[in-house]
Amino acid sequence: FAVGDTVGVIGPDGLEVARGLASIASGELERVAGKKTAAAAAALGHALPKAALHRDDLLILAR
């Protein structure tokens, strides 16, 4: 997915629990997963967003 795309959040039971707008592309997210903030920013060459899915851009789905 790309920045600004709508992505689903899947719970442990396999059901979608939320949808949100991506703040970081999936490829970049894969490259920095597990890294500390400074190392992740250095790997990407730019600062990271505060969250991959910010709560202001997140919709929790009712069950």
PDB file of N, CA and C in Angstrom:
ATOM      1  N   PHE A   1       0.838  -1.183   0.000  1.00  0.00           N
ATOM      2  CA  PHE A   1       0.000   0.000   0.000  1.00  0.00           C
ATOM      3  C   PHE A   1       0.880   1.241   0.000  1.00  0.00           C
ATOM      4  N   ALA A   2       0.316   2.342  -0.423  1.00  0.00           N
ATOM      5  CA  ALA A   2       1.029   3.615  -0.498  1.00  0.00           C
ATOM      6  C   ALA A   2       0.515   4.562   0.583  1.00  0.00           C
ATOM      7  N   VAL A   3       1.255   5.623   0.821  1.00  0.00           N
ATOM      8  CA  VAL A   3       0.813   6.647   1.768  1.00  0.00           C
ATOM      9  C   VAL A   3      -0.537   7.182   1.304  1.00  0.00           C
ATOM     10  N   GLY A   4      -1.486   7.266   2.233  1.00  0.00           N
ATOM     11  CA  GLY A   4      -2.819   7.763   1.918  1.00  0.00           C
ATOM     12  C   GLY A   4      -3.818   6.689   1.538  1.00  0.00           C
ATOM     13  N   ASP A   5      -3.337   5.476   1.278  1.00  0.00           N
ATOM     14  CA  ASP A   5      -4.251   4.369   0.966  1.00  0.00           C
ATOM     15  C   ASP A   5      -5.036   3.969   2.210  1.00  0.00           C
ATOM     16  N   THR A   6      -6.244   3.469   1.995  1.00  0.00           N
ATOM     17  CA  THR A   6      -7.034   2.914   3.091  1.00  0.00           C
ATOM     18  C   THR A   6      -6.581   1.481   3.313  1.00  0.00           C
ATOM     19  N   VAL A   7      -6.264   1.155   4.565  1.00  0.00           N
ATOM     20  CA  VAL A   7      -5.829  -0.199   4.904  1.00  0.00           C
ATOM     21  C   VAL A   7      -6.696  -0.748   6.027  1.00  0.00           C
ATOM     22  N   GLY A   8      -6.889  -2.040   6.024  1.00  0.00           N
ATOM     23  CA  GLY A   8      -7.663  -2.698   7.064  1.00  0.00           C
ATOM     24  C   GLY A   8      -6.765  -3.201   8.176  1.00  0.00           C
ATOM     25  N   VAL A   9      -7.307  -3.213   9.377  1.00  0.00           N
ATOM     26  CA  VAL A   9      -6.616  -3.762  10.545  1.00  0.00           C
ATOM     27  C   VAL A   9      -7.350  -5.045  10.918  1.00  0.00           C
ATOM     28  N   ILE A  10      -6.622  -6.141  10.923  1.00  0.00           N
ATOM     29  CA  ILE A  10      -7.212  -7.450  11.178  1.00  0.00           C
ATOM     30  C   ILE A  10      -6.880  -7.890  12.602  1.00  0.00           C
ATOM     31  N   GLY A  11      -7.911  -8.302  13.335  1.00  0.00           N
ATOM     32  CA  GLY A  11      -7.730  -8.771  14.703  1.00  0.00           C
ATOM     33  C   GLY A  11      -7.255 -10.209  14.738  1.00  0.00           C
ATOM     34  N   PRO A  12      -6.953 -10.720  15.938  1.00  0.00           N
ATOM     35  CA  PRO A  12      -6.444 -12.087  16.077  1.00  0.00           C
ATOM     36  C   PRO A  12      -7.425 -13.161  15.598  1.00  0.00           C
ATOM     37  N   ASP A  13      -8.698 -12.814  15.525  1.00  0.00           N
ATOM     38  CA  ASP A  13      -9.702 -13.778  15.054  1.00  0.00           C
ATOM     39  C   ASP A  13      -9.866 -13.759  13.532  1.00  0.00           C
ATOM     40  N   GLY A  14      -9.064 -12.918  12.851  1.00  0.00           N
ATOM     41  CA  GLY A  14      -9.111 -12.845  11.399  1.00  0.00           C
ATOM     42  C   GLY A  14     -10.132 -11.876  10.846  1.00  0.00           C
ATOM     43  N   LEU A  15     -10.870 -11.202  11.718  1.00  0.00           N
ATOM     44  CA  LEU A  15     -11.881 -10.236  11.280  1.00  0.00           C
ATOM     45  C   LEU A  15     -11.311  -8.827  11.269  1.00  0.00           C
ATOM     46  N   GLU A  16     -11.792  -8.016  10.326  1.00  0.00           N
ATOM     47  CA  GLU A  16     -11.362  -6.625  10.247  1.00  0.00           C
ATOM     48  C   GLU A  16     -11.960  -5.852  11.418  1.00  0.00           C
ATOM     49  N   VAL A  17     -11.115  -5.162  12.185  1.00  0.00           N
ATOM     50  CA  VAL A  17     -11.574  -4.415  13.353  1.00  0.00           C
ATOM     51  C   VAL A  17     -11.508  -2.906  13.147  1.00  0.00           C
ATOM     52  N   ALA A  18     -10.742  -2.461  12.136  1.00  0.00           N
ATOM     53  CA  ALA A  18     -10.610  -1.028  11.888  1.00  0.00           C
ATOM     54  C   ALA A  18     -10.115  -0.804  10.465  1.00  0.00           C
ATOM     55  N   ARG A  19     -10.290   0.435   9.995  1.00  0.00           N
ATOM     56  CA  ARG A  19      -9.733   0.889   8.718  1.00  0.00           C
ATOM     57  C   ARG A  19      -9.117   2.253   8.955  1.00  0.00           C
ATOM     58  N   GLY A  20      -8.021   2.505   8.249  1.00  0.00           N
ATOM     59  CA  GLY A  20      -7.369   3.795   8.413  1.00  0.00           C
ATOM     60  C   GLY A  20      -6.561   4.174   7.194  1.00  0.00           C
ATOM     61  N   LEU A  21      -6.078   5.417   7.199  1.00  0.00           N
ATOM     62  CA  LEU A  21      -5.243   5.924   6.119  1.00  0.00           C
ATOM     63  C   LEU A  21      -3.780   5.722   6.485  1.00  0.00           C
ATOM     64  N   ALA A  22      -3.041   5.088   5.602  1.00  0.00           N
ATOM     65  CA  ALA A  22      -1.632   4.794   5.852  1.00  0.00           C
ATOM     66  C   ALA A  22      -0.799   6.071   5.861  1.00  0.00           C
ATOM     67  N   SER A  23       0.066   6.189   6.865  1.00  0.00           N
ATOM     68  CA  SER A  23       0.985   7.321   6.970  1.00  0.00           C
ATOM     69  C   SER A  23       2.368   6.976   6.436  1.00  0.00           C
ATOM     70  N   ILE A  24       2.587   5.698   6.126  1.00  0.00           N
ATOM     71  CA  ILE A  24       3.867   5.224   5.601  1.00  0.00           C
ATOM     72  C   ILE A  24       3.561   4.092   4.614  1.00  0.00           C
ATOM     73  N   ALA A  25       4.339   3.998   3.567  1.00  0.00           N
ATOM     74  CA  ALA A  25       4.130   2.957   2.552  1.00  0.00           C
ATOM     75  C   ALA A  25       4.536   1.588   3.095  1.00  0.00           C
ATOM     76  N   SER A  26       3.908   0.548   2.587  1.00  0.00           N
ATOM     77  CA  SER A  26       4.178  -0.808   3.080  1.00  0.00           C
ATOM     78  C   SER A  26       5.639  -1.210   2.894  1.00  0.00           C
ATOM     79  N   GLY A  27       6.239  -0.840   1.796  1.00  0.00           N
ATOM     80  CA  GLY A  27       7.647  -1.175   1.557  1.00  0.00           C
ATOM     81  C   GLY A  27       8.566  -0.534   2.580  1.00  0.00           C
ATOM     82  N   GLU A  28       8.296   0.728   2.904  1.00  0.00           N
ATOM     83  CA  GLU A  28       9.099   1.412   3.924  1.00  0.00           C
ATOM     84  C   GLU A  28       8.860   0.792   5.293  1.00  0.00           C
ATOM     85  N   LEU A  29       7.624   0.451   5.577  1.00  0.00           N
ATOM     86  CA  LEU A  29       7.285  -0.159   6.863  1.00  0.00           C
ATOM     87  C   LEU A  29       8.018  -1.487   7.036  1.00  0.00           C
ATOM     88  N   GLU A  30       8.081  -2.282   5.986  1.00  0.00           N
ATOM     89  CA  GLU A  30       8.810  -3.550   6.044  1.00  0.00           C
ATOM     90  C   GLU A  30      10.296  -3.322   6.292  1.00  0.00           C
ATOM     91  N   ARG A  31      10.863  -2.283   5.682  1.00  0.00           N
ATOM     92  CA  ARG A  31      12.299  -1.995   5.840  1.00  0.00           C
ATOM     93  C   ARG A  31      12.656  -1.569   7.250  1.00  0.00           C
ATOM     94  N   VAL A  32      11.736  -0.949   7.979  1.00  0.00           N
ATOM     95  CA  VAL A  32      12.071  -0.414   9.303  1.00  0.00           C
ATOM     96  C   VAL A  32      11.481  -1.218  10.456  1.00  0.00           C
ATOM     97  N   ALA A  33      10.704  -2.241  10.168  1.00  0.00           N
ATOM     98  CA  ALA A  33      10.081  -3.041  11.231  1.00  0.00           C
ATOM     99  C   ALA A  33      11.146  -3.589  12.176  1.00  0.00           C
ATOM    100  N   GLY A  34      10.939  -3.379  13.473  1.00  0.00           N
ATOM    101  CA  GLY A  34      11.850  -3.877  14.491  1.00  0.00           C
ATOM    102  C   GLY A  34      13.026  -2.975  14.798  1.00  0.00           C
ATOM    103  N   LYS A  35      13.213  -1.908  14.023  1.00  0.00           N
ATOM    104  CA  LYS A  35      14.332  -0.989  14.262  1.00  0.00           C
ATOM    105  C   LYS A  35      13.926   0.108  15.240  1.00  0.00           C
ATOM    106  N   LYS A  36      14.894   0.631  15.954  1.00  0.00           N
ATOM    107  CA  LYS A  36      14.660   1.798  16.801  1.00  0.00           C
ATOM    108  C   LYS A  36      14.461   3.007  15.891  1.00  0.00           C
ATOM    109  N   THR A  37      13.822   4.050  16.414  1.00  0.00           N
ATOM    110  CA  THR A  37      13.442   5.215  15.611  1.00  0.00           C
ATOM    111  C   THR A  37      14.613   5.813  14.842  1.00  0.00           C
ATOM    112  N   ALA A  38      15.729   6.052  15.507  1.00  0.00           N
ATOM    113  CA  ALA A  38      16.882   6.678  14.846  1.00  0.00           C
ATOM    114  C   ALA A  38      17.412   5.795  13.715  1.00  0.00           C
ATOM    115  N   ALA A  39      17.501   4.495  13.948  1.00  0.00           N
ATOM    116  CA  ALA A  39      17.997   3.576  12.921  1.00  0.00           C
ATOM    117  C   ALA A  39      17.019   3.497  11.748  1.00  0.00           C
ATOM    118  N   ALA A  40      15.729   3.519  12.037  1.00  0.00           N
ATOM    119  CA  ALA A  40      14.715   3.472  10.984  1.00  0.00           C
ATOM    120  C   ALA A  40      14.773   4.729  10.127  1.00  0.00           C
ATOM    121  N   ALA A  41      14.884   5.883  10.763  1.00  0.00           N
ATOM    122  CA  ALA A  41      14.972   7.143  10.018  1.00  0.00           C
ATOM    123  C   ALA A  41      16.228   7.168   9.156  1.00  0.00           C
ATOM    124  N   ALA A  42      17.333   6.666   9.684  1.00  0.00           N
ATOM    125  CA  ALA A  42      18.579   6.621   8.917  1.00  0.00           C
ATOM    126  C   ALA A  42      18.437   5.678   7.719  1.00  0.00           C
ATOM    127  N   ALA A  43      17.770   4.554   7.913  1.00  0.00           N
ATOM    128  CA  ALA A  43      17.583   3.591   6.824  1.00  0.00           C
ATOM    129  C   ALA A  43      16.733   4.172   5.699  1.00  0.00           C
ATOM    130  N   LEU A  44      15.750   4.995   6.067  1.00  0.00           N
ATOM    131  CA  LEU A  44      14.860   5.584   5.062  1.00  0.00           C
ATOM    132  C   LEU A  44      15.390   6.893   4.497  1.00  0.00           C
ATOM    133  N   GLY A  45      16.234   7.564   5.262  1.00  0.00           N
ATOM    134  CA  GLY A  45      16.752   8.854   4.817  1.00  0.00           C
ATOM    135  C   GLY A  45      15.820  10.013   5.109  1.00  0.00           C
ATOM    136  N   HIS A  46      14.798   9.772   5.927  1.00  0.00           N
ATOM    137  CA  HIS A  46      13.883  10.836   6.343  1.00  0.00           C
ATOM    138  C   HIS A  46      13.199  10.441   7.643  1.00  0.00           C
ATOM    139  N   ALA A  47      12.593  11.422   8.290  1.00  0.00           N
ATOM    140  CA  ALA A  47      11.906  11.166   9.559  1.00  0.00           C
ATOM    141  C   ALA A  47      10.691  10.275   9.338  1.00  0.00           C
ATOM    142  N   LEU A  48      10.362   9.524  10.366  1.00  0.00           N
ATOM    143  CA  LEU A  48       9.188   8.654  10.318  1.00  0.00           C
ATOM    144  C   LEU A  48       7.941   9.414  10.745  1.00  0.00           C
ATOM    145  N   PRO A  49       6.768   8.998  10.269  1.00  0.00           N
ATOM    146  CA  PRO A  49       5.532   9.568  10.814  1.00  0.00           C
ATOM    147  C   PRO A  49       5.360   9.089  12.254  1.00  0.00           C
ATOM    148  N   LYS A  50       4.511   9.761  13.012  1.00  0.00           N
ATOM    149  CA  LYS A  50       4.297   9.374  14.412  1.00  0.00           C
ATOM    150  C   LYS A  50       3.679   7.990  14.535  1.00  0.00           C
ATOM    151  N   ALA A  51       2.887   7.582  13.558  1.00  0.00           N
ATOM    152  CA  ALA A  51       2.239   6.267  13.583  1.00  0.00           C
ATOM    153  C   ALA A  51       1.974   5.811  12.154  1.00  0.00           C
ATOM    154  N   ALA A  52       1.974   4.506  11.940  1.00  0.00           N
ATOM    155  CA  ALA A  52       1.649   3.970  10.614  1.00  0.00           C
ATOM    156  C   ALA A  52       0.195   4.269  10.261  1.00  0.00           C
ATOM    157  N   LEU A  53      -0.673   4.177  11.271  1.00  0.00           N
ATOM    158  CA  LEU A  53      -2.084   4.564  11.167  1.00  0.00           C
ATOM    159  C   LEU A  53      -2.378   5.458  12.361  1.00  0.00           C
ATOM    160  N   HIS A  54      -2.533   6.738  12.133  1.00  0.00           N
ATOM    161  CA  HIS A  54      -2.804   7.662  13.237  1.00  0.00           C
ATOM    162  C   HIS A  54      -4.270   7.579  13.640  1.00  0.00           C
ATOM    163  N   ARG A  55      -4.529   7.702  14.916  1.00  0.00           N
ATOM    164  CA  ARG A  55      -5.910   7.583  15.414  1.00  0.00           C
ATOM    165  C   ARG A  55      -6.850   8.616  14.812  1.00  0.00           C
ATOM    166  N   ASP A  56      -6.329   9.768  14.396  1.00  0.00           N
ATOM    167  CA  ASP A  56      -7.177  10.784  13.757  1.00  0.00           C
ATOM    168  C   ASP A  56      -7.669  10.325  12.381  1.00  0.00           C
ATOM    169  N   ASP A  57      -7.004   9.331  11.815  1.00  0.00           N
ATOM    170  CA  ASP A  57      -7.350   8.809  10.491  1.00  0.00           C
ATOM    171  C   ASP A  57      -7.791   7.351  10.565  1.00  0.00           C
ATOM    172  N   LEU A  58      -8.368   6.955  11.705  1.00  0.00           N
ATOM    173  CA  LEU A  58      -8.726   5.561  11.949  1.00  0.00           C
ATOM    174  C   LEU A  58     -10.206   5.445  12.280  1.00  0.00           C
ATOM    175  N   LEU A  59     -10.856   4.458  11.700  1.00  0.00           N
ATOM    176  CA  LEU A  59     -12.262   4.178  11.967  1.00  0.00           C
ATOM    177  C   LEU A  59     -12.353   2.789  12.582  1.00  0.00           C
ATOM    178  N   ILE A  60     -12.850   2.710  13.820  1.00  0.00           N
ATOM    179  CA  ILE A  60     -13.056   1.433  14.489  1.00  0.00           C
ATOM    180  C   ILE A  60     -14.393   0.869  14.001  1.00  0.00           C
ATOM    181  N   LEU A  61     -14.395  -0.372  13.571  1.00  0.00           N
ATOM    182  CA  LEU A  61     -15.605  -0.998  13.042  1.00  0.00           C
ATOM    183  C   LEU A  61     -16.369  -1.710  14.153  1.00  0.00           C
ATOM    184  N   ALA A  62     -17.679  -1.566  14.129  1.00  0.00           N
ATOM    185  CA  ALA A  62     -18.534  -2.247  15.112  1.00  0.00           C
ATOM    186  C   ALA A  62     -18.638  -3.717  14.743  1.00  0.00           C
ATOM    187  N   ARG A  63     -18.865  -4.531  15.725  1.00  0.00           N
ATOM    188  CA  ARG A  63     -19.016  -5.977  15.470  1.00  0.00           C
ATOM    189  C   ARG A  63     -20.453  -6.363  15.537  1.00  0.00           C
TER     190      ARG A  63
END
